[in-house]
PDB file of all heavy atoms in Angstrom:
ATOM      1  N   GLU A   1      -5.107   9.634 -16.575  1.00  0.00           N
ATOM      2  CA  GLU A   1      -3.857   9.680 -15.793  1.00  0.00           C
ATOM      3  C   GLU A   1      -4.142   9.750 -14.292  1.00  0.00           C
ATOM      4  O   GLU A   1      -3.443   9.151 -13.473  1.00  0.00           O
ATOM      5  CB  GLU A   1      -2.975  10.890 -16.227  1.00  0.00           C
ATOM      6  CG  GLU A   1      -1.675  11.027 -15.479  1.00  0.00           C
ATOM      7  CD  GLU A   1      -0.762   9.854 -15.679  1.00  0.00           C
ATOM      8  OE1 GLU A   1      -0.866   9.153 -16.700  1.00  0.00           O
ATOM      9  OE2 GLU A   1       0.087   9.608 -14.785  1.00  0.00           O
ATOM     10  N   SER A   2      -5.233  10.540 -13.936  1.00  0.00           N
ATOM     11  CA  SER A   2      -5.561  10.679 -12.519  1.00  0.00           C
ATOM     12  C   SER A   2      -5.981   9.347 -11.900  1.00  0.00           C
ATOM     13  O   SER A   2      -5.677   9.073 -10.717  1.00  0.00           O
ATOM     14  CB  SER A   2      -6.707  11.727 -12.377  1.00  0.00           C
ATOM     15  OG  SER A   2      -7.834  11.320 -13.123  1.00  0.00           O
ATOM     16  N   ALA A   3      -6.659   8.502 -12.658  1.00  0.00           N
ATOM     17  CA  ALA A   3      -7.056   7.170 -12.159  1.00  0.00           C
ATOM     18  C   ALA A   3      -5.827   6.284 -11.932  1.00  0.00           C
ATOM     19  O   ALA A   3      -5.748   5.580 -10.941  1.00  0.00           O
ATOM     20  CB  ALA A   3      -8.041   6.537 -13.120  1.00  0.00           C
ATOM     21  N   ASN A   4      -4.888   6.331 -12.852  1.00  0.00           N
ATOM     22  CA  ASN A   4      -3.660   5.561 -12.700  1.00  0.00           C
ATOM     23  C   ASN A   4      -2.882   6.004 -11.444  1.00  0.00           C
ATOM     24  O   ASN A   4      -2.402   5.143 -10.695  1.00  0.00           O
ATOM     25  CB  ASN A   4      -2.801   5.672 -13.926  1.00  0.00           C
ATOM     26  CG  ASN A   4      -3.402   5.011 -15.159  1.00  0.00           C
ATOM     27  OD1 ASN A   4      -4.099   4.045 -15.025  1.00  0.00           O
ATOM     28  ND2 ASN A   4      -3.143   5.578 -16.332  1.00  0.00           N
ATOM     29  N   ARG A   5      -2.795   7.295 -11.286  1.00  0.00           N
ATOM     30  CA  ARG A   5      -2.069   7.785 -10.112  1.00  0.00           C
ATOM     31  C   ARG A   5      -2.781   7.404  -8.791  1.00  0.00           C
ATOM     32  O   ARG A   5      -2.127   7.040  -7.796  1.00  0.00           O
ATOM     33  CB  ARG A   5      -1.934   9.348 -10.183  1.00  0.00           C
ATOM     34  CG  ARG A   5      -0.972   9.801 -11.264  1.00  0.00           C
ATOM     35  CD  ARG A   5      -0.848  11.298 -11.305  1.00  0.00           C
ATOM     36  NE  ARG A   5       0.141  11.759 -12.250  1.00  0.00           N
ATOM     37  CZ  ARG A   5       1.412  11.870 -12.040  1.00  0.00           C
ATOM     38  NH1 ARG A   5       1.901  11.546 -10.847  1.00  0.00           N
ATOM     39  NH2 ARG A   5       2.229  12.299 -12.953  1.00  0.00           N
ATOM     40  N   ALA A   6      -4.107   7.482  -8.799  1.00  0.00           N
ATOM     41  CA  ALA A   6      -4.856   7.147  -7.607  1.00  0.00           C
ATOM     42  C   ALA A   6      -4.716   5.665  -7.281  1.00  0.00           C
ATOM     43  O   ALA A   6      -4.595   5.313  -6.103  1.00  0.00           O
ATOM     44  CB  ALA A   6      -6.343   7.520  -7.797  1.00  0.00           C
ATOM     45  N   ALA A   7      -4.736   4.837  -8.266  1.00  0.00           N
ATOM     46  CA  ALA A   7      -4.571   3.374  -8.052  1.00  0.00           C
ATOM     47  C   ALA A   7      -3.211   3.076  -7.505  1.00  0.00           C
ATOM     48  O   ALA A   7      -3.070   2.275  -6.551  1.00  0.00           O
ATOM     49  CB  ALA A   7      -4.819   2.627  -9.358  1.00  0.00           C
ATOM     50  N   MET A   8      -2.191   3.680  -8.082  1.00  0.00           N
ATOM     51  CA  MET A   8      -0.811   3.457  -7.579  1.00  0.00           C
ATOM     52  C   MET A   8      -0.663   3.958  -6.141  1.00  0.00           C
ATOM     53  O   MET A   8      -0.014   3.347  -5.300  1.00  0.00           O
ATOM     54  CB  MET A   8       0.189   4.165  -8.485  1.00  0.00           C
ATOM     55  CG  MET A   8       0.432   3.463  -9.785  1.00  0.00           C
ATOM     56  SD  MET A   8       1.134   1.799  -9.562  1.00  0.00           S
ATOM     57  CE  MET A   8       2.694   2.214  -8.780  1.00  0.00           C
ATOM     58  N   LYS A   9      -1.261   5.143  -5.865  1.00  0.00           N
ATOM     59  CA  LYS A   9      -1.192   5.711  -4.543  1.00  0.00           C
ATOM     60  C   LYS A   9      -1.830   4.785  -3.498  1.00  0.00           C
ATOM     61  O   LYS A   9      -1.270   4.548  -2.430  1.00  0.00           O
ATOM     62  CB  LYS A   9      -1.864   7.085  -4.521  1.00  0.00           C
ATOM     63  CG  LYS A   9      -1.665   7.858  -3.245  1.00  0.00           C
ATOM     64  CD  LYS A   9      -2.277   9.229  -3.398  1.00  0.00           C
ATOM     65  CE  LYS A   9      -2.064  10.094  -2.155  1.00  0.00           C
ATOM     66  NZ  LYS A   9      -2.665  11.449  -2.287  1.00  0.00           N
ATOM     67  N   ALA A  10      -3.017   4.260  -3.834  1.00  0.00           N
ATOM     68  CA  ALA A  10      -3.667   3.359  -2.889  1.00  0.00           C
ATOM     69  C   ALA A  10      -2.848   2.130  -2.680  1.00  0.00           C
ATOM     70  O   ALA A  10      -2.706   1.645  -1.546  1.00  0.00           O
ATOM     71  CB  ALA A  10      -5.078   2.983  -3.475  1.00  0.00           C
ATOM     72  N   PHE A  11      -2.281   1.584  -3.735  1.00  0.00           N
ATOM     73  CA  PHE A  11      -1.467   0.371  -3.659  1.00  0.00           C
ATOM     74  C   PHE A  11      -0.242   0.596  -2.808  1.00  0.00           C
ATOM     75  O   PHE A  11       0.109  -0.214  -1.921  1.00  0.00           O
ATOM     76  CB  PHE A  11      -1.084  -0.080  -5.068  1.00  0.00           C
ATOM     77  CG  PHE A  11      -0.603  -1.501  -5.128  1.00  0.00           C
ATOM     78  CD1 PHE A  11      -1.485  -2.555  -5.130  1.00  0.00           C
ATOM     79  CD2 PHE A  11       0.771  -1.770  -5.186  1.00  0.00           C
ATOM     80  CE1 PHE A  11      -1.040  -3.865  -5.193  1.00  0.00           C
ATOM     81  CE2 PHE A  11       1.223  -3.069  -5.282  1.00  0.00           C
ATOM     82  CZ  PHE A  11       0.323  -4.117  -5.256  1.00  0.00           C
ATOM     83  N   ILE A  12       0.489   1.703  -3.038  1.00  0.00           N
ATOM     84  CA  ILE A  12       1.743   1.953  -2.316  1.00  0.00           C
ATOM     85  C   ILE A  12       1.489   2.278  -0.859  1.00  0.00           C
ATOM     86  O   ILE A  12       2.185   1.754   0.038  1.00  0.00           O
ATOM     87  CB  ILE A  12       2.519   3.073  -3.027  1.00  0.00           C
ATOM     88  CG1 ILE A  12       2.977   2.628  -4.408  1.00  0.00           C
ATOM     89  CG2 ILE A  12       3.688   3.522  -2.205  1.00  0.00           C
ATOM     90  CD1 ILE A  12       3.530   3.730  -5.283  1.00  0.00           C
ATOM     91  N   VAL A  13       0.517   3.151  -0.593  1.00  0.00           N
ATOM     92  CA  VAL A  13       0.213   3.522   0.817  1.00  0.00           C
ATOM     93  C   VAL A  13      -0.166   2.285   1.587  1.00  0.00           C
ATOM     94  O   VAL A  13       0.236   2.104   2.724  1.00  0.00           O
ATOM     95  CB  VAL A  13      -0.814   4.636   0.888  1.00  0.00           C
ATOM     96  CG1 VAL A  13      -1.265   4.844   2.339  1.00  0.00           C
ATOM     97  CG2 VAL A  13      -0.295   5.928   0.276  1.00  0.00           C
ATOM     98  N   ASN A  14      -0.986   1.436   0.997  1.00  0.00           N
ATOM     99  CA  ASN A  14      -1.370   0.213   1.717  1.00  0.00           C
ATOM    100  C   ASN A  14      -0.225  -0.750   1.892  1.00  0.00           C
ATOM    101  O   ASN A  14      -0.239  -1.494   2.833  1.00  0.00           O
ATOM    102  CB  ASN A  14      -2.512  -0.458   0.924  1.00  0.00           C
ATOM    103  CG  ASN A  14      -3.876   0.070   1.325  1.00  0.00           C
ATOM    104  OD1 ASN A  14      -4.481  -0.377   2.272  1.00  0.00           O
ATOM    105  ND2 ASN A  14      -4.378   1.034   0.558  1.00  0.00           N
ATOM    106  N   ARG A  15       0.759  -0.724   0.980  1.00  0.00           N
ATOM    107  CA  ARG A  15       1.923  -1.549   1.187  1.00  0.00           C
ATOM    108  C   ARG A  15       2.703  -1.148   2.438  1.00  0.00           C
ATOM    109  O   ARG A  15       3.337  -1.978   3.110  1.00  0.00           O
ATOM    110  CB  ARG A  15       2.881  -1.497  -0.017  1.00  0.00           C
ATOM    111  CG  ARG A  15       2.379  -2.042  -1.321  1.00  0.00           C
ATOM    112  CD  ARG A  15       2.133  -3.518  -1.363  1.00  0.00           C
ATOM    113  NE  ARG A  15       0.975  -3.973  -0.682  1.00  0.00           N
ATOM    114  CZ  ARG A  15      -0.306  -3.740  -1.053  1.00  0.00           C
ATOM    115  NH1 ARG A  15      -0.570  -3.061  -2.136  1.00  0.00           N
ATOM    116  NH2 ARG A  15      -1.305  -4.201  -0.366  1.00  0.00           N
ATOM    117  N   VAL A  16       2.693   0.146   2.758  1.00  0.00           N
ATOM    118  CA  VAL A  16       3.334   0.620   3.962  1.00  0.00           C
ATOM    119  C   VAL A  16       2.708  -0.031   5.193  1.00  0.00           C
ATOM    120  O   VAL A  16       3.396  -0.597   6.085  1.00  0.00           O
ATOM    121  CB  VAL A  16       3.267   2.148   4.081  1.00  0.00           C
ATOM    122  CG1 VAL A  16       3.853   2.613   5.392  1.00  0.00           C
ATOM    123  CG2 VAL A  16       3.985   2.804   2.911  1.00  0.00           C
ATOM    124  N   GLY A  17       1.361   0.014   5.254  1.00  0.00           N
ATOM    125  CA  GLY A  17       0.693  -0.649   6.354  1.00  0.00           C
ATOM    126  C   GLY A  17       0.885  -2.190   6.314  1.00  0.00           C
ATOM    127  O   GLY A  17       1.074  -2.793   7.391  1.00  0.00           O
ATOM    128  N   ASP A  18       0.911  -2.739   5.140  1.00  0.00           N
ATOM    129  CA  ASP A  18       1.077  -4.185   5.040  1.00  0.00           C
ATOM    130  C   ASP A  18       2.423  -4.668   5.549  1.00  0.00           C
ATOM    131  O   ASP A  18       2.543  -5.800   6.006  1.00  0.00           O
ATOM    132  CB  ASP A  18       0.897  -4.643   3.555  1.00  0.00           C
ATOM    133  CG  ASP A  18      -0.500  -4.415   3.081  1.00  0.00           C
ATOM    134  OD1 ASP A  18      -1.421  -4.066   3.936  1.00  0.00           O
ATOM    135  OD2 ASP A  18      -0.769  -4.536   1.880  1.00  0.00           O
ATOM    136  N   LEU A  19       3.446  -3.833   5.408  1.00  0.00           N
ATOM    137  CA  LEU A  19       4.754  -4.206   5.937  1.00  0.00           C
ATOM    138  C   LEU A  19       4.663  -4.428   7.454  1.00  0.00           C
ATOM    139  O   LEU A  19       5.208  -5.418   8.010  1.00  0.00           O
ATOM    140  CB  LEU A  19       5.791  -3.098   5.636  1.00  0.00           C
ATOM    141  CG  LEU A  19       7.140  -3.250   6.290  1.00  0.00           C
ATOM    142  CD1 LEU A  19       7.852  -4.522   5.819  1.00  0.00           C
ATOM    143  CD2 LEU A  19       8.021  -2.042   5.988  1.00  0.00           C
ATOM    144  N   PHE A  20       3.969  -3.522   8.149  1.00  0.00           N
ATOM    145  CA  PHE A  20       3.802  -3.667   9.593  1.00  0.00           C
ATOM    146  C   PHE A  20       2.952  -4.920   9.922  1.00  0.00           C
ATOM    147  O   PHE A  20       3.207  -5.632  10.917  1.00  0.00           O
ATOM    148  CB  PHE A  20       3.154  -2.433  10.164  1.00  0.00           C
ATOM    149  CG  PHE A  20       4.049  -1.212  10.149  1.00  0.00           C
ATOM    150  CD1 PHE A  20       3.796  -0.203   9.254  1.00  0.00           C
ATOM    151  CD2 PHE A  20       5.123  -1.138  11.014  1.00  0.00           C
ATOM    152  CE1 PHE A  20       4.623   0.902   9.215  1.00  0.00           C
ATOM    153  CE2 PHE A  20       5.959  -0.018  10.978  1.00  0.00           C
ATOM    154  CZ  PHE A  20       5.718   1.018  10.086  1.00  0.00           C
ATOM    155  N   PHE A  21       1.937  -5.157   9.106  1.00  0.00           N
ATOM    156  CA  PHE A  21       1.128  -6.382   9.278  1.00  0.00           C
ATOM    157  C   PHE A  21       2.031  -7.611   9.212  1.00  0.00           C
ATOM    158  O   PHE A  21       1.930  -8.515  10.045  1.00  0.00           O
ATOM    159  CB  PHE A  21       0.032  -6.421   8.228  1.00  0.00           C
ATOM    160  CG  PHE A  21      -0.975  -7.502   8.442  1.00  0.00           C
ATOM    161  CD1 PHE A  21      -2.310  -7.208   8.644  1.00  0.00           C
ATOM    162  CD2 PHE A  21      -0.628  -8.843   8.421  1.00  0.00           C
ATOM    163  CE1 PHE A  21      -3.278  -8.210   8.815  1.00  0.00           C
ATOM    164  CE2 PHE A  21      -1.559  -9.849   8.614  1.00  0.00           C
ATOM    165  CZ  PHE A  21      -2.874  -9.537   8.813  1.00  0.00           C
ATOM    166  N   MET A  22       2.882  -7.683   8.183  1.00  0.00           N
ATOM    167  CA  MET A  22       3.756  -8.864   8.021  1.00  0.00           C
ATOM    168  C   MET A  22       4.680  -9.020   9.228  1.00  0.00           C
ATOM    169  O   MET A  22       4.938 -10.146   9.688  1.00  0.00           O
ATOM    170  CB  MET A  22       4.522  -8.744   6.726  1.00  0.00           C
ATOM    171  CG  MET A  22       3.724  -8.978   5.474  1.00  0.00           C
ATOM    172  SD  MET A  22       4.684  -9.047   3.992  1.00  0.00           S
ATOM    173  CE  MET A  22       5.103  -7.320   3.747  1.00  0.00           C
ATOM    174  N   LEU A  23       5.232  -7.897   9.707  1.00  0.00           N
ATOM    175  CA  LEU A  23       6.108  -7.960  10.868  1.00  0.00           C
ATOM    176  C   LEU A  23       5.319  -8.467  12.105  1.00  0.00           C
ATOM    177  O   LEU A  23       5.822  -9.271  12.883  1.00  0.00           O
ATOM    178  CB  LEU A  23       6.709  -6.596  11.152  1.00  0.00           C
ATOM    179  CG  LEU A  23       7.716  -6.070  10.129  1.00  0.00           C
ATOM    180  CD1 LEU A  23       8.066  -4.637  10.437  1.00  0.00           C
ATOM    181  CD2 LEU A  23       8.930  -6.985  10.053  1.00  0.00           C
ATOM    182  N   GLY A  24       4.089  -7.979  12.224  1.00  0.00           N
ATOM    183  CA  GLY A  24       3.238  -8.458  13.336  1.00  0.00           C
ATOM    184  C   GLY A  24       2.906  -9.910  13.238  1.00  0.00           C
ATOM    185  O   GLY A  24       2.875 -10.628  14.211  1.00  0.00           O
ATOM    186  N   LEU A  25       2.658 -10.357  11.991  1.00  0.00           N
ATOM    187  CA  LEU A  25       2.351 -11.779  11.769  1.00  0.00           C
ATOM    188  C   LEU A  25       3.613 -12.614  12.135  1.00  0.00           C
ATOM    189  O   LEU A  25       3.471 -13.648  12.788  1.00  0.00           O
ATOM    190  CB  LEU A  25       2.014 -11.995  10.288  1.00  0.00           C
ATOM    191  CG  LEU A  25       1.339 -13.296   9.885  1.00  0.00           C
ATOM    192  CD1 LEU A  25       0.674 -13.115   8.516  1.00  0.00           C
ATOM    193  CD2 LEU A  25       2.351 -14.444   9.756  1.00  0.00           C
ATOM    194  N   ALA A  26       4.772 -12.172  11.757  1.00  0.00           N
ATOM    195  CA  ALA A  26       6.016 -12.904  12.048  1.00  0.00           C
ATOM    196  C   ALA A  26       6.241 -12.984  13.554  1.00  0.00           C
ATOM    197  O   ALA A  26       6.607 -14.008  14.099  1.00  0.00           O
ATOM    198  CB  ALA A  26       7.187 -12.282  11.311  1.00  0.00           C
TER     199      ALA A  26
END
């Protein structure tokens, strides 16, 4: 369960940064 949570956490936190990247790209 800890591995699943860590994977989801990495994915979600990185999506926050990726949103800004996409705005910067646009």
